[in-house]
Amino acid sequence: MDKPKANIVIDTLMFLCMMAIVGIGMLIKFILLPGKKAAVVYGRKVDLLLFGLDRHAWGTIHLIVAFVFLGLLALHIIFHWKMIFVLYRRLSGNKVTRRIIVTLVVIVSVSLVVLPWIIKPEVQESSQKRRH
């Protein structure tokens, strides 16, 4: 497959992944409500399923699609690297400014990926077992 066709395929798959991420996120937030909210809406304790999957299973699908999207994004960046590099050099002034910007972007990007693995949640005793 030539590069333009590969770009179209990758960009289309990225778009579909992003729409799936948004759609599943809204499904989890607004349709497959957690326990207490579902009890308020339905008047009793109920389990909400869509296609036999609860909100936690949909959350797993949400995460998997996000990882697929990140892989496609990496391919997208690789395919467009020359253009990105040329535009970046043109838009950012001198070499020092470019290095500062790249350093900040790398630090923020790495932090956003690594921090969820090293931060510790606040643990509180619960009077009752809750299932979201």
Foldseek 3Di string as FASTA:
>chain_A
DDLVVVLVVLVVLLVVLVVLLVVLVCCLPPPLDFQVVVCVVVVHGDFDDDPNHHNVVSVVVSVVSVVVSVVSVVVNCVSCVVVVVVVLPVPDDDPVRSVVVVVVVVVVVVCVVCVVVPDDDDDDDDPDDGTD
